[in-house]
Amino acid sequence: MEILHSKIELNTKGEIDIVNITDMVDSFVKEQSIKKGLITIFVPGATGAVTTMEYETGLIIDTQEMFKKIIEENKKYQHDVSHVKGNATSHLRASLVGPSLTVPIKENKLQLGIWQEIVFIEFDNRPRNREILLTIVGNK
């Protein structure tokens, strides 16, 4: 069994920036020649998240609007009282999605659905330089 590591570096715009990272994850998997296993995609930090979605313009906008409705921006949050960055909404939104995703690998291929793509969502209220960690556990 192999345990392999890599990372993806991103520059994000902030404010619910949704970035498709499927090709970057897939490239790492293909380089490793894994017959079967799992890949975990993880973002260190409390204001970013990783999930899957159909990466389509209308759905991207709908997803951004959904997060704005679920966690309102013009509300008083206790986190903002003690932290000057005013990013309580960023933390709350990220906690709904979570920092990681695990995808099965079979015959060197991510086992995603037809329209399913891996995305990183930047919830912070400012642009960020992000590092997304990739870990494969599997057999060659």
N, C-alpha and C. Protein backbone atom coordinates (compact mmCIF):
# COMPACT_ATOMS: atom_id res chain seq x y z
N MET A 1 0.84 -1.18 0.00
CA MET A 1 0.00 0.00 0.00
C MET A 1 0.89 1.24 0.00
N GLU A 2 0.53 2.18 -0.83
CA GLU A 2 1.26 3.44 -0.96
C GLU A 2 0.50 4.56 -0.24
N ILE A 3 1.26 5.49 0.32
CA ILE A 3 0.70 6.74 0.83
C ILE A 3 1.48 7.85 0.15
N LEU A 4 0.77 8.64 -0.66
CA LEU A 4 1.41 9.66 -1.50
C LEU A 4 0.82 11.03 -1.19
N HIS A 5 1.67 12.05 -1.23
CA HIS A 5 1.24 13.40 -0.89
C HIS A 5 1.59 14.40 -1.99
N SER A 6 0.76 15.40 -2.13
CA SER A 6 1.04 16.53 -3.01
C SER A 6 0.22 17.71 -2.51
N LYS A 7 0.32 18.82 -3.23
CA LYS A 7 -0.48 19.98 -2.85
C LYS A 7 -0.82 20.79 -4.10
N ILE A 8 -1.89 21.54 -3.98
CA ILE A 8 -2.33 22.47 -5.01
C ILE A 8 -2.23 23.86 -4.40
N GLU A 9 -1.66 24.79 -5.13
CA GLU A 9 -1.59 26.18 -4.66
C GLU A 9 -2.53 27.02 -5.51
N LEU A 10 -3.35 27.83 -4.83
CA LEU A 10 -4.35 28.67 -5.49
C LEU A 10 -4.28 30.10 -4.98
N ASN A 11 -4.58 31.03 -5.85
CA ASN A 11 -4.83 32.41 -5.46
C ASN A 11 -6.32 32.65 -5.68
N THR A 12 -7.02 32.98 -4.62
CA THR A 12 -8.47 33.15 -4.72
C THR A 12 -8.86 34.62 -4.63
N LYS A 13 -10.10 34.89 -5.03
CA LYS A 13 -10.63 36.26 -5.02
C LYS A 13 -11.31 36.61 -3.70
N GLY A 14 -11.68 35.61 -2.92
CA GLY A 14 -12.45 35.84 -1.70
C GLY A 14 -13.94 35.92 -2.04
N GLU A 15 -14.76 36.07 -1.01
CA GLU A 15 -16.20 36.29 -1.19
C GLU A 15 -16.90 35.19 -1.99
N ILE A 16 -16.81 33.95 -1.53
CA ILE A 16 -17.46 32.79 -2.13
C ILE A 16 -16.96 32.55 -3.56
N ASP A 17 -15.65 32.57 -3.71
CA ASP A 17 -15.00 32.25 -4.98
C ASP A 17 -14.97 30.72 -5.10
N ILE A 18 -15.58 30.19 -6.15
CA ILE A 18 -15.65 28.74 -6.36
C ILE A 18 -14.69 28.37 -7.48
N VAL A 19 -13.70 27.53 -7.15
CA VAL A 19 -12.63 27.19 -8.08
C VAL A 19 -12.67 25.69 -8.38
N ASN A 20 -12.74 25.35 -9.66
CA ASN A 20 -12.74 23.95 -10.07
C ASN A 20 -11.31 23.42 -10.01
N ILE A 21 -11.08 22.41 -9.17
CA ILE A 21 -9.74 21.83 -9.02
C ILE A 21 -9.68 20.39 -9.52
N THR A 22 -10.73 19.95 -10.20
CA THR A 22 -10.80 18.56 -10.65
C THR A 22 -9.59 18.16 -11.48
N ASP A 23 -9.23 18.95 -12.47
CA ASP A 23 -8.11 18.60 -13.35
C ASP A 23 -6.79 18.49 -12.59
N MET A 24 -6.59 19.36 -11.60
CA MET A 24 -5.36 19.31 -10.82
C MET A 24 -5.29 18.05 -9.96
N VAL A 25 -6.43 17.68 -9.38
CA VAL A 25 -6.49 16.45 -8.57
C VAL A 25 -6.30 15.24 -9.48
N ASP A 26 -6.98 15.25 -10.62
CA ASP A 26 -6.89 14.15 -11.57
C ASP A 26 -5.47 13.96 -12.09
N SER A 27 -4.77 15.05 -12.36
CA SER A 27 -3.38 14.96 -12.82
C SER A 27 -2.49 14.26 -11.81
N PHE A 28 -2.66 14.60 -10.53
CA PHE A 28 -1.88 13.95 -9.48
C PHE A 28 -2.17 12.45 -9.44
N VAL A 29 -3.45 12.09 -9.54
CA VAL A 29 -3.84 10.68 -9.51
C VAL A 29 -3.20 9.94 -10.69
N LYS A 30 -3.30 10.51 -11.87
CA LYS A 30 -2.77 9.85 -13.07
C LYS A 30 -1.24 9.67 -13.00
N GLU A 31 -0.54 10.63 -12.40
CA GLU A 31 0.92 10.53 -12.26
C GLU A 31 1.33 9.36 -11.37
N GLN A 32 0.44 8.92 -10.49
CA GLN A 32 0.79 7.91 -9.49
C GLN A 32 0.49 6.49 -9.93
N SER A 33 -0.29 6.29 -10.98
CA SER A 33 -0.66 4.94 -11.47
C SER A 33 -1.26 4.07 -10.37
N ILE A 34 -2.28 4.59 -9.72
CA ILE A 34 -2.96 3.87 -8.64
C ILE A 34 -4.06 2.97 -9.21
N LYS A 35 -4.00 1.68 -8.91
CA LYS A 35 -5.03 0.74 -9.38
C LYS A 35 -6.32 0.90 -8.59
N LYS A 36 -6.17 0.99 -7.26
CA LYS A 36 -7.34 1.21 -6.42
C LYS A 36 -6.90 1.90 -5.15
N GLY A 37 -7.77 2.78 -4.66
CA GLY A 37 -7.44 3.51 -3.45
C GLY A 37 -8.40 4.66 -3.21
N LEU A 38 -7.93 5.59 -2.40
CA LEU A 38 -8.72 6.78 -2.04
C LEU A 38 -7.81 8.00 -2.09
N ILE A 39 -8.39 9.11 -2.50
CA ILE A 39 -7.68 10.38 -2.39
C ILE A 39 -8.48 11.30 -1.48
N THR A 40 -7.78 11.93 -0.57
CA THR A 40 -8.39 12.94 0.29
C THR A 40 -7.86 14.30 -0.13
N ILE A 41 -8.79 15.23 -0.30
CA ILE A 41 -8.47 16.61 -0.65
C ILE A 41 -8.83 17.43 0.58
N PHE A 42 -7.85 18.15 1.14
CA PHE A 42 -8.05 18.82 2.43
C PHE A 42 -7.49 20.24 2.38
N VAL A 43 -8.26 21.19 2.88
CA VAL A 43 -7.77 22.56 2.98
C VAL A 43 -7.51 22.90 4.44
N PRO A 44 -6.25 23.23 4.79
CA PRO A 44 -5.98 23.71 6.14
C PRO A 44 -6.55 25.14 6.25
N GLY A 45 -7.28 25.40 7.27
CA GLY A 45 -7.85 26.73 7.45
C GLY A 45 -9.33 26.64 7.75
N ALA A 46 -9.84 27.66 8.37
CA ALA A 46 -11.23 27.64 8.85
C ALA A 46 -12.20 28.44 7.98
N THR A 47 -11.72 28.97 6.85
CA THR A 47 -12.62 29.76 6.00
C THR A 47 -12.64 29.28 4.55
N GLY A 48 -12.15 28.07 4.32
CA GLY A 48 -12.21 27.45 3.00
C GLY A 48 -12.87 26.10 3.11
N ALA A 49 -13.36 25.57 1.97
CA ALA A 49 -14.05 24.29 1.98
C ALA A 49 -13.83 23.56 0.66
N VAL A 50 -14.04 22.25 0.70
CA VAL A 50 -13.91 21.41 -0.49
C VAL A 50 -15.17 20.57 -0.61
N THR A 51 -15.73 20.49 -1.83
CA THR A 51 -16.92 19.68 -2.07
C THR A 51 -16.98 19.32 -3.55
N THR A 52 -18.08 18.72 -3.96
CA THR A 52 -18.31 18.45 -5.38
C THR A 52 -19.58 19.17 -5.81
N MET A 53 -19.62 19.47 -7.11
CA MET A 53 -20.81 20.09 -7.70
C MET A 53 -20.68 20.01 -9.21
N GLU A 54 -21.74 20.30 -9.92
CA GLU A 54 -21.64 20.51 -11.36
C GLU A 54 -21.13 21.93 -11.53
N TYR A 55 -19.96 22.06 -12.13
CA TYR A 55 -19.31 23.37 -12.26
C TYR A 55 -19.85 24.06 -13.52
N GLU A 56 -20.97 24.70 -13.37
CA GLU A 56 -21.69 25.35 -14.46
C GLU A 56 -22.07 26.75 -14.00
N THR A 57 -21.96 27.73 -14.88
CA THR A 57 -22.12 29.14 -14.51
C THR A 57 -23.38 29.42 -13.70
N GLY A 58 -24.53 28.93 -14.17
CA GLY A 58 -25.78 29.18 -13.44
C GLY A 58 -25.76 28.58 -12.05
N LEU A 59 -25.24 27.38 -11.92
CA LEU A 59 -25.18 26.71 -10.61
C LEU A 59 -24.15 27.37 -9.70
N ILE A 60 -23.08 27.87 -10.26
CA ILE A 60 -22.10 28.61 -9.46
C ILE A 60 -22.77 29.83 -8.82
N ILE A 61 -23.50 30.59 -9.62
CA ILE A 61 -24.21 31.78 -9.11
C ILE A 61 -25.26 31.37 -8.08
N ASP A 62 -26.02 30.31 -8.38
CA ASP A 62 -27.04 29.83 -7.44
C ASP A 62 -26.41 29.41 -6.11
N THR A 63 -25.27 28.75 -6.18
CA THR A 63 -24.59 28.31 -4.96
C THR A 63 -24.10 29.50 -4.14
N GLN A 64 -23.52 30.49 -4.79
CA GLN A 64 -23.09 31.70 -4.10
C GLN A 64 -24.27 32.39 -3.42
N GLU A 65 -25.38 32.52 -4.13
CA GLU A 65 -26.58 33.14 -3.56
C GLU A 65 -27.14 32.34 -2.40
N MET A 66 -27.10 31.02 -2.50
CA MET A 66 -27.59 30.16 -1.42
C MET A 66 -26.83 30.43 -0.13
N PHE A 67 -25.48 30.50 -0.22
CA PHE A 67 -24.69 30.74 0.99
C PHE A 67 -24.97 32.13 1.55
N LYS A 68 -25.22 33.12 0.71
CA LYS A 68 -25.54 34.47 1.19
C LYS A 68 -26.88 34.50 1.91
N LYS A 69 -27.82 33.65 1.49
CA LYS A 69 -29.13 33.60 2.14
C LYS A 69 -29.08 32.81 3.45
N ILE A 70 -28.34 31.71 3.44
CA ILE A 70 -28.28 30.86 4.64
C ILE A 70 -27.53 31.56 5.76
N ILE A 71 -26.40 32.18 5.44
CA ILE A 71 -25.60 32.92 6.43
C ILE A 71 -25.57 34.38 5.98
N GLU A 72 -26.44 35.17 6.55
CA GLU A 72 -26.61 36.57 6.15
C GLU A 72 -25.36 37.40 6.47
N GLU A 73 -25.05 38.34 5.61
CA GLU A 73 -23.86 39.17 5.78
C GLU A 73 -24.10 40.37 6.71
N ASN A 74 -25.25 40.96 6.68
CA ASN A 74 -25.51 42.17 7.47
C ASN A 74 -26.18 41.84 8.80
N LYS A 75 -25.49 41.04 9.58
CA LYS A 75 -26.00 40.60 10.86
C LYS A 75 -24.86 40.70 11.87
N LYS A 76 -25.21 40.90 13.13
CA LYS A 76 -24.18 40.98 14.17
C LYS A 76 -23.82 39.57 14.63
N TYR A 77 -22.54 39.22 14.47
CA TYR A 77 -22.03 37.92 14.89
C TYR A 77 -21.04 38.13 16.02
N GLN A 78 -21.07 37.26 17.02
CA GLN A 78 -20.19 37.37 18.17
C GLN A 78 -18.71 37.28 17.78
N HIS A 79 -18.40 36.49 16.79
CA HIS A 79 -17.00 36.36 16.34
C HIS A 79 -16.46 37.72 15.88
N ASP A 80 -17.29 38.50 15.25
CA ASP A 80 -16.85 39.81 14.74
C ASP A 80 -16.60 40.82 15.84
N VAL A 81 -17.16 40.58 17.02
CA VAL A 81 -16.93 41.47 18.15
C VAL A 81 -15.48 41.36 18.62
N SER A 82 -14.95 40.14 18.63
CA SER A 82 -13.60 39.92 19.15
C SER A 82 -12.52 39.79 18.06
N HIS A 83 -12.91 39.79 16.80
CA HIS A 83 -11.95 39.65 15.70
C HIS A 83 -12.16 40.79 14.69
N VAL A 84 -11.11 41.51 14.40
CA VAL A 84 -11.22 42.71 13.57
C VAL A 84 -11.44 42.43 12.09
N LYS A 85 -11.22 41.22 11.63
CA LYS A 85 -11.37 40.91 10.21
C LYS A 85 -12.82 40.87 9.76
N GLY A 86 -13.75 40.75 10.69
CA GLY A 86 -15.17 40.75 10.34
C GLY A 86 -15.56 39.60 9.43
N ASN A 87 -15.01 38.43 9.69
CA ASN A 87 -15.25 37.32 8.78
C ASN A 87 -16.03 36.15 9.42
N ALA A 88 -16.92 36.47 10.31
CA ALA A 88 -17.73 35.41 10.93
C ALA A 88 -18.52 34.64 9.88
N THR A 89 -19.06 35.35 8.90
CA THR A 89 -19.81 34.66 7.84
C THR A 89 -18.90 33.65 7.12
N SER A 90 -17.65 33.99 6.94
CA SER A 90 -16.70 33.09 6.27
C SER A 90 -16.54 31.79 7.04
N HIS A 91 -16.37 31.89 8.34
CA HIS A 91 -16.22 30.71 9.19
C HIS A 91 -17.49 29.87 9.22
N LEU A 92 -18.62 30.52 9.35
CA LEU A 92 -19.89 29.80 9.42
C LEU A 92 -20.19 29.06 8.12
N ARG A 93 -19.99 29.72 7.00
CA ARG A 93 -20.24 29.09 5.70
C ARG A 93 -19.31 27.90 5.48
N ALA A 94 -18.03 28.08 5.81
CA ALA A 94 -17.07 26.99 5.63
C ALA A 94 -17.42 25.78 6.50
N SER A 95 -17.94 26.05 7.69
CA SER A 95 -18.28 24.93 8.58
C SER A 95 -19.46 24.12 8.05
N LEU A 96 -20.30 24.71 7.23
CA LEU A 96 -21.42 23.97 6.63
C LEU A 96 -20.92 22.94 5.61
N VAL A 97 -19.88 23.27 4.88
CA VAL A 97 -19.38 22.40 3.81
C VAL A 97 -18.30 21.46 4.32
N GLY A 98 -17.34 21.99 5.06
CA GLY A 98 -16.26 21.17 5.61
C GLY A 98 -14.96 21.30 4.82
N PRO A 99 -13.84 20.95 5.46
CA PRO A 99 -12.53 21.18 4.88
C PRO A 99 -11.99 20.06 3.99
N SER A 100 -12.74 18.94 3.87
CA SER A 100 -12.15 17.83 3.12
C SER A 100 -13.18 17.01 2.35
N LEU A 101 -12.65 16.23 1.43
CA LEU A 101 -13.45 15.36 0.59
C LEU A 101 -12.61 14.13 0.28
N THR A 102 -13.22 12.96 0.27
CA THR A 102 -12.52 11.73 -0.10
C THR A 102 -13.21 11.14 -1.32
N VAL A 103 -12.41 10.79 -2.33
CA VAL A 103 -12.92 10.25 -3.59
C VAL A 103 -12.24 8.91 -3.86
N PRO A 104 -13.01 7.87 -4.21
CA PRO A 104 -12.40 6.59 -4.57
C PRO A 104 -11.63 6.70 -5.89
N ILE A 105 -10.60 5.87 -6.00
CA ILE A 105 -9.81 5.74 -7.23
C ILE A 105 -9.90 4.29 -7.68
N LYS A 106 -10.18 4.08 -8.97
CA LYS A 106 -10.21 2.73 -9.53
C LYS A 106 -9.54 2.77 -10.89
N GLU A 107 -8.58 1.90 -11.11
CA GLU A 107 -7.85 1.85 -12.38
C GLU A 107 -7.31 3.22 -12.78
N ASN A 108 -6.72 3.91 -11.80
CA ASN A 108 -6.06 5.20 -12.02
C ASN A 108 -7.03 6.33 -12.40
N LYS A 109 -8.29 6.18 -12.03
CA LYS A 109 -9.30 7.17 -12.41
C LYS A 109 -10.16 7.54 -11.20
N LEU A 110 -10.38 8.84 -11.03
CA LEU A 110 -11.29 9.32 -10.00
C LEU A 110 -12.69 8.78 -10.29
N GLN A 111 -13.35 8.27 -9.28
CA GLN A 111 -14.68 7.70 -9.47
C GLN A 111 -15.76 8.75 -9.20
N LEU A 112 -15.79 9.75 -10.09
CA LEU A 112 -16.77 10.83 -10.00
C LEU A 112 -17.93 10.57 -10.95
N GLY A 113 -19.09 11.13 -10.64
CA GLY A 113 -20.23 11.04 -11.54
C GLY A 113 -20.00 11.88 -12.79
N ILE A 114 -20.86 11.73 -13.77
CA ILE A 114 -20.70 12.38 -15.07
C ILE A 114 -20.50 13.89 -14.94
N TRP A 115 -21.31 14.56 -14.16
CA TRP A 115 -21.23 16.02 -14.05
C TRP A 115 -20.55 16.47 -12.76
N GLN A 116 -20.08 15.54 -11.97
CA GLN A 116 -19.51 15.84 -10.66
C GLN A 116 -18.06 16.29 -10.78
N GLU A 117 -17.78 17.47 -10.25
CA GLU A 117 -16.43 18.01 -10.27
C GLU A 117 -16.05 18.45 -8.87
N ILE A 118 -14.75 18.45 -8.60
CA ILE A 118 -14.23 18.81 -7.28
C ILE A 118 -13.96 20.31 -7.27
N VAL A 119 -14.50 20.99 -6.25
CA VAL A 119 -14.31 22.44 -6.16
C VAL A 119 -13.78 22.84 -4.79
N PHE A 120 -12.98 23.89 -4.81
CA PHE A 120 -12.59 24.58 -3.58
C PHE A 120 -13.44 25.83 -3.50
N ILE A 121 -14.00 26.10 -2.34
CA ILE A 121 -14.79 27.32 -2.15
C ILE A 121 -14.07 28.21 -1.13
N GLU A 122 -13.72 29.40 -1.59
CA GLU A 122 -13.10 30.41 -0.73
C GLU A 122 -14.22 31.23 -0.09
N PHE A 123 -14.38 31.05 1.21
CA PHE A 123 -15.41 31.80 1.92
C PHE A 123 -14.87 33.05 2.60
N ASP A 124 -13.55 33.20 2.69
CA ASP A 124 -13.01 34.37 3.38
C ASP A 124 -13.44 35.63 2.65
N ASN A 125 -13.47 36.73 3.38
CA ASN A 125 -13.94 37.99 2.81
C ASN A 125 -12.84 38.79 2.13
N ARG A 126 -11.73 38.12 1.82
CA ARG A 126 -10.61 38.77 1.14
C ARG A 126 -9.89 37.75 0.27
N PRO A 127 -9.12 38.20 -0.71
CA PRO A 127 -8.33 37.25 -1.51
C PRO A 127 -7.33 36.51 -0.63
N ARG A 128 -7.06 35.27 -1.00
CA ARG A 128 -6.15 34.44 -0.20
C ARG A 128 -5.23 33.63 -1.11
N ASN A 129 -4.06 33.30 -0.59
CA ASN A 129 -3.19 32.31 -1.20
C ASN A 129 -3.45 31.02 -0.43
N ARG A 130 -3.95 30.01 -1.12
CA ARG A 130 -4.35 28.76 -0.46
C ARG A 130 -3.48 27.60 -0.89
N GLU A 131 -3.33 26.68 0.04
CA GLU A 131 -2.64 25.43 -0.22
C GLU A 131 -3.64 24.32 0.10
N ILE A 132 -3.91 23.48 -0.88
CA ILE A 132 -4.82 22.36 -0.69
C ILE A 132 -3.99 21.09 -0.70
N LEU A 133 -4.13 20.29 0.34
CA LEU A 133 -3.32 19.09 0.50
C LEU A 133 -4.02 17.87 -0.11
N LEU A 134 -3.26 17.07 -0.84
CA LEU A 134 -3.75 15.85 -1.47
C LEU A 134 -3.03 14.66 -0.87
N THR A 135 -3.78 13.64 -0.46
CA THR A 135 -3.19 12.42 0.07
C THR A 135 -3.89 11.22 -0.57
N ILE A 136 -3.09 10.37 -1.21
CA ILE A 136 -3.61 9.13 -1.79
C ILE A 136 -3.15 7.98 -0.90
N VAL A 137 -4.10 7.09 -0.59
CA VAL A 137 -3.79 5.82 0.04
C VAL A 137 -4.30 4.75 -0.92
N GLY A 138 -3.38 3.94 -1.45
CA GLY A 138 -3.82 2.95 -2.43
C GLY A 138 -2.71 2.04 -2.90
N ASN A 139 -3.07 1.20 -3.86
CA ASN A 139 -2.15 0.21 -4.41
C ASN A 139 -1.86 0.52 -5.86
N LYS A 140 -0.60 0.35 -6.23
CA LYS A 140 -0.19 0.56 -7.62
C LYS A 140 -0.35 -0.71 -8.41
